[in-house]
N, C-alpha and C. Protein backbone atom coordinates (compact mmCIF):
# COMPACT_ATOMS: atom_id res chain seq x y z
N MET A 1 92.34 104.85 97.24
CA MET A 1 91.82 104.09 98.46
C MET A 1 90.77 103.01 97.94
N THR A 2 90.83 101.84 98.32
CA THR A 2 89.84 100.70 98.01
C THR A 2 88.97 100.64 99.35
N LEU A 3 87.90 99.93 99.08
CA LEU A 3 87.00 99.82 100.14
C LEU A 3 87.66 98.90 101.32
N ASP A 4 88.38 97.86 101.03
CA ASP A 4 89.07 97.28 102.17
C ASP A 4 90.13 98.18 102.66
N GLN A 5 90.68 99.14 102.09
CA GLN A 5 91.63 100.02 102.75
C GLN A 5 90.88 100.95 103.56
N PHE A 6 89.80 101.49 103.15
CA PHE A 6 88.98 102.31 104.03
C PHE A 6 88.39 101.49 105.29
N ARG A 7 88.05 100.34 105.04
CA ARG A 7 87.54 99.57 106.12
C ARG A 7 88.82 99.32 107.24
N SER A 8 89.92 99.24 106.72
CA SER A 8 91.10 99.16 107.51
C SER A 8 91.35 100.37 108.43
N THR A 9 91.02 101.52 107.96
CA THR A 9 91.24 102.80 108.84
C THR A 9 90.18 102.72 109.99
N LEU A 10 89.10 101.93 110.00
CA LEU A 10 88.10 101.72 111.05
C LEU A 10 88.70 101.41 112.41
N THR A 11 89.88 100.79 112.35
CA THR A 11 90.51 100.51 113.75
C THR A 11 91.36 101.59 114.22
N GLN A 12 91.62 102.48 113.60
CA GLN A 12 92.28 103.83 114.19
C GLN A 12 91.33 104.61 114.92
N SER A 13 91.94 105.33 115.94
CA SER A 13 91.12 106.14 116.94
C SER A 13 90.60 107.40 116.39
N GLU A 14 91.40 107.88 115.14
CA GLU A 14 90.97 108.92 114.50
C GLU A 14 90.52 108.65 113.07
N ALA A 15 89.71 109.32 112.32
CA ALA A 15 89.70 109.33 110.81
C ALA A 15 91.03 109.76 110.16
N PRO A 16 91.21 109.40 108.94
CA PRO A 16 92.54 109.76 108.34
C PRO A 16 91.94 111.34 107.84
N ALA A 17 93.19 112.20 108.04
CA ALA A 17 92.75 113.61 107.68
C ALA A 17 92.44 114.01 106.29
N THR A 18 92.82 113.05 105.44
CA THR A 18 92.35 112.97 104.01
C THR A 18 91.08 112.75 103.58
N LEU A 19 90.20 112.19 104.50
CA LEU A 19 88.87 111.91 103.99
C LEU A 19 88.18 113.15 103.76
N SER A 20 87.25 113.07 102.72
CA SER A 20 86.22 113.92 102.32
C SER A 20 85.40 114.12 103.57
N PRO A 21 84.34 115.26 103.67
CA PRO A 21 83.23 115.12 104.62
C PRO A 21 82.52 113.97 104.44
N ALA A 22 82.10 113.68 103.29
CA ALA A 22 81.13 112.42 102.86
C ALA A 22 81.86 111.27 103.56
N LEU A 23 82.98 110.88 103.21
CA LEU A 23 83.54 109.73 103.73
C LEU A 23 83.91 109.70 105.17
N ARG A 24 84.19 110.97 105.66
CA ARG A 24 84.20 111.06 107.17
C ARG A 24 82.75 110.65 107.86
N ALA A 25 81.81 111.07 107.27
CA ALA A 25 80.54 110.60 107.76
C ALA A 25 80.29 109.23 107.88
N MET A 26 80.62 108.69 106.89
CA MET A 26 80.59 107.01 106.67
C MET A 26 81.56 106.39 107.72
N TRP A 27 82.73 107.11 107.85
CA TRP A 27 83.77 106.34 108.73
C TRP A 27 83.00 106.73 110.20
N GLU A 28 82.50 107.64 110.53
CA GLU A 28 81.90 107.96 111.83
C GLU A 28 80.72 106.87 111.96
N ASP A 29 79.82 106.69 110.89
CA ASP A 29 79.01 105.55 111.28
C ASP A 29 79.16 104.35 111.38
N ALA A 30 80.28 103.92 110.63
CA ALA A 30 80.95 102.52 110.74
C ALA A 30 81.48 102.44 112.41
N ARG A 31 81.88 103.58 112.91
CA ARG A 31 82.71 103.28 114.18
C ARG A 31 81.60 103.35 115.30
N GLY A 32 80.28 103.50 114.78
CA GLY A 32 79.02 103.58 115.69
C GLY A 32 78.83 105.05 116.27
N ASN A 33 79.26 105.94 115.58
CA ASN A 33 78.99 107.36 116.07
C ASN A 33 77.95 108.03 115.06
N TRP A 34 76.68 107.68 115.32
CA TRP A 34 75.60 107.92 114.35
C TRP A 34 75.46 109.40 114.47
N ASP A 35 75.33 110.06 115.58
CA ASP A 35 75.27 111.35 115.78
C ASP A 35 76.26 112.28 115.17
N ALA A 36 77.55 111.92 115.04
CA ALA A 36 78.80 112.51 114.54
C ALA A 36 78.28 112.28 112.83
N ALA A 37 78.12 111.23 112.65
CA ALA A 37 77.85 110.88 111.14
C ALA A 37 76.67 111.99 110.62
N HIS A 38 75.60 111.98 111.47
CA HIS A 38 74.52 112.73 110.95
C HIS A 38 74.67 114.27 110.96
N ARG A 39 75.64 114.81 111.85
CA ARG A 39 75.98 116.15 111.96
C ARG A 39 76.84 116.52 110.78
N ILE A 40 77.64 115.73 110.38
CA ILE A 40 78.48 115.86 109.09
C ILE A 40 77.63 115.95 107.93
N ALA A 41 76.75 114.97 107.83
CA ALA A 41 75.88 114.74 106.58
C ALA A 41 74.79 115.94 106.39
N GLN A 42 74.45 116.63 107.49
CA GLN A 42 73.59 117.75 107.48
C GLN A 42 74.62 118.91 106.82
N ASP A 43 75.66 119.02 106.81
CA ASP A 43 76.54 120.14 106.09
C ASP A 43 76.84 119.93 104.85
N ILE A 44 76.42 118.72 104.27
CA ILE A 44 76.83 118.25 103.05
C ILE A 44 75.43 118.54 101.97
N ASP A 45 75.48 119.59 101.43
CA ASP A 45 74.29 120.00 100.64
C ASP A 45 74.43 119.64 99.12
N ASP A 46 74.14 118.48 98.98
CA ASP A 46 74.26 118.04 97.60
C ASP A 46 73.56 116.45 97.60
N ASN A 47 73.52 115.91 96.43
CA ASN A 47 72.86 114.58 96.34
C ASN A 47 73.62 113.43 97.15
N THR A 48 74.88 113.52 97.26
CA THR A 48 75.60 112.69 98.21
C THR A 48 75.23 112.91 99.69
N GLY A 49 75.25 114.09 100.09
CA GLY A 49 74.76 114.41 101.61
C GLY A 49 73.44 113.76 101.74
N SER A 50 72.67 113.98 100.77
CA SER A 50 71.10 113.64 100.90
C SER A 50 71.07 112.06 100.73
N TRP A 51 72.12 111.37 100.15
CA TRP A 51 72.04 109.75 100.12
C TRP A 51 72.50 109.48 101.44
N ILE A 52 73.57 110.01 101.92
CA ILE A 52 74.17 109.55 103.28
C ILE A 52 72.88 109.94 104.49
N HIS A 53 72.29 110.95 104.31
CA HIS A 53 71.22 111.49 105.30
C HIS A 53 70.27 110.50 105.14
N ALA A 54 69.92 109.98 104.17
CA ALA A 54 68.73 108.81 103.74
C ALA A 54 69.07 107.45 104.51
N TYR A 55 70.44 107.30 104.27
CA TYR A 55 71.11 105.82 104.65
C TYR A 55 70.95 106.05 106.37
N LEU A 56 71.33 107.01 106.96
CA LEU A 56 71.49 107.27 108.43
C LEU A 56 69.87 107.14 108.80
N HIS A 57 69.06 107.73 108.26
CA HIS A 57 67.64 107.72 108.86
C HIS A 57 67.04 106.48 108.68
N ARG A 58 67.39 105.71 107.60
CA ARG A 58 66.99 104.25 107.34
C ARG A 58 67.51 103.45 108.53
N LYS A 59 68.73 103.60 108.88
CA LYS A 59 69.27 102.96 109.98
C LYS A 59 68.69 103.22 111.18
N GLU A 60 68.53 104.37 111.35
CA GLU A 60 67.76 104.76 112.58
C GLU A 60 66.36 104.21 112.91
N GLY A 61 65.88 103.77 111.74
CA GLY A 61 64.34 103.32 111.67
C GLY A 61 63.34 104.49 111.45
N ASP A 62 63.88 105.66 111.07
CA ASP A 62 62.90 106.51 110.61
C ASP A 62 62.66 106.61 109.05
N LEU A 63 61.90 105.72 108.77
CA LEU A 63 61.84 105.33 107.25
C LEU A 63 61.04 106.27 106.29
N SER A 64 59.99 107.16 107.11
CA SER A 64 59.39 108.10 106.19
C SER A 64 60.49 109.38 106.04
N ASN A 65 61.32 109.82 107.11
CA ASN A 65 62.40 110.66 106.67
C ASN A 65 63.40 110.13 105.99
N ALA A 66 63.55 108.82 105.93
CA ALA A 66 64.75 108.22 104.98
C ALA A 66 64.16 108.53 103.56
N GLY A 67 63.04 108.26 103.43
CA GLY A 67 62.29 108.41 101.94
C GLY A 67 62.31 109.89 101.65
N TYR A 68 62.10 110.71 102.48
CA TYR A 68 62.24 112.20 101.89
C TYR A 68 63.56 112.54 101.35
N TRP A 69 64.76 111.80 102.21
CA TRP A 69 66.17 112.08 101.71
C TRP A 69 66.49 111.41 100.48
N TYR A 70 65.97 110.13 100.22
CA TYR A 70 66.17 109.44 99.03
C TYR A 70 65.70 110.20 98.03
N ARG A 71 64.40 110.70 98.05
CA ARG A 71 63.93 111.48 96.95
C ARG A 71 64.75 112.70 96.68
N ARG A 72 65.31 113.45 97.65
CA ARG A 72 66.12 114.55 97.47
C ARG A 72 67.50 114.18 96.76
N ALA A 73 67.93 112.94 96.96
CA ALA A 73 69.11 112.41 96.50
C ALA A 73 68.88 111.93 95.04
N GLY A 74 67.70 111.75 94.63
CA GLY A 74 67.26 111.37 93.38
C GLY A 74 67.33 109.87 93.13
N LEU A 75 67.15 109.04 94.21
CA LEU A 75 67.44 107.71 94.34
C LEU A 75 66.11 106.97 95.01
N ASP A 76 66.06 105.56 94.56
CA ASP A 76 64.82 104.90 95.02
C ASP A 76 65.27 104.55 96.53
N VAL A 77 64.24 104.24 97.36
CA VAL A 77 64.56 103.80 98.76
C VAL A 77 65.17 102.45 98.62
N ALA A 78 66.17 102.35 99.24
CA ALA A 78 67.13 100.96 99.41
C ALA A 78 66.46 99.99 100.16
N HIS A 79 66.39 98.91 99.74
CA HIS A 79 65.84 97.84 100.44
C HIS A 79 66.84 96.75 100.69
N ASP A 80 68.05 96.83 100.39
CA ASP A 80 68.90 95.85 100.71
C ASP A 80 69.41 95.91 102.16
N ASP A 81 70.16 95.19 102.80
CA ASP A 81 70.75 95.27 104.17
C ASP A 81 71.72 96.51 104.24
N LEU A 82 71.74 97.05 105.31
CA LEU A 82 72.42 98.41 105.59
C LEU A 82 73.70 98.20 105.30
N GLU A 83 74.63 97.19 105.64
CA GLU A 83 75.70 96.95 105.49
C GLU A 83 76.11 96.97 103.89
N SER A 84 75.35 96.43 103.14
CA SER A 84 75.40 96.52 101.68
C SER A 84 75.31 97.99 101.18
N GLU A 85 74.30 98.72 101.70
CA GLU A 85 74.04 100.08 101.27
C GLU A 85 75.41 100.96 101.88
N TRP A 86 75.82 100.52 102.98
CA TRP A 86 77.12 101.42 103.67
C TRP A 86 78.17 101.15 102.51
N ALA A 87 78.20 100.08 102.16
CA ALA A 87 79.54 99.68 101.16
C ALA A 87 79.24 100.48 100.00
N ARG A 88 78.10 100.43 99.53
CA ARG A 88 77.77 100.94 98.12
C ARG A 88 78.13 102.60 98.16
N ILE A 89 77.56 103.10 99.18
CA ILE A 89 77.89 104.57 99.46
C ILE A 89 79.47 104.80 99.38
N VAL A 90 80.21 104.16 100.32
CA VAL A 90 81.50 104.24 100.34
C VAL A 90 82.28 104.10 99.02
N VAL A 91 82.00 102.78 98.40
CA VAL A 91 82.57 102.68 96.96
C VAL A 91 82.35 103.91 95.94
N ALA A 92 81.04 104.49 96.14
CA ALA A 92 80.72 105.63 95.24
C ALA A 92 81.69 106.84 95.49
N LEU A 93 81.72 107.00 96.75
CA LEU A 93 82.60 108.05 97.20
C LEU A 93 84.06 107.86 97.04
N LEU A 94 84.59 106.78 96.96
CA LEU A 94 86.03 106.52 96.56
C LEU A 94 86.26 106.86 95.25
């Protein structure tokens, strides 16, 4: 699946069943379901889950919490726009 194909699924009422939990979190976020995305990210106990968690808290505006999750992910704090980071995460997951 490409980024454009993933984006095309955002018009569907439900996420594709084949998505990994990490991609499902990003799908939910893109659909405006921050809480659902956050719940999913909380259950992903690895660097990927930490990166998604960091992005979500950055989006929420809780930058100190986001910084914690970027450190757990082993990443520098993102400073680009949220849409660019969203796309980077999705591409990394695909």
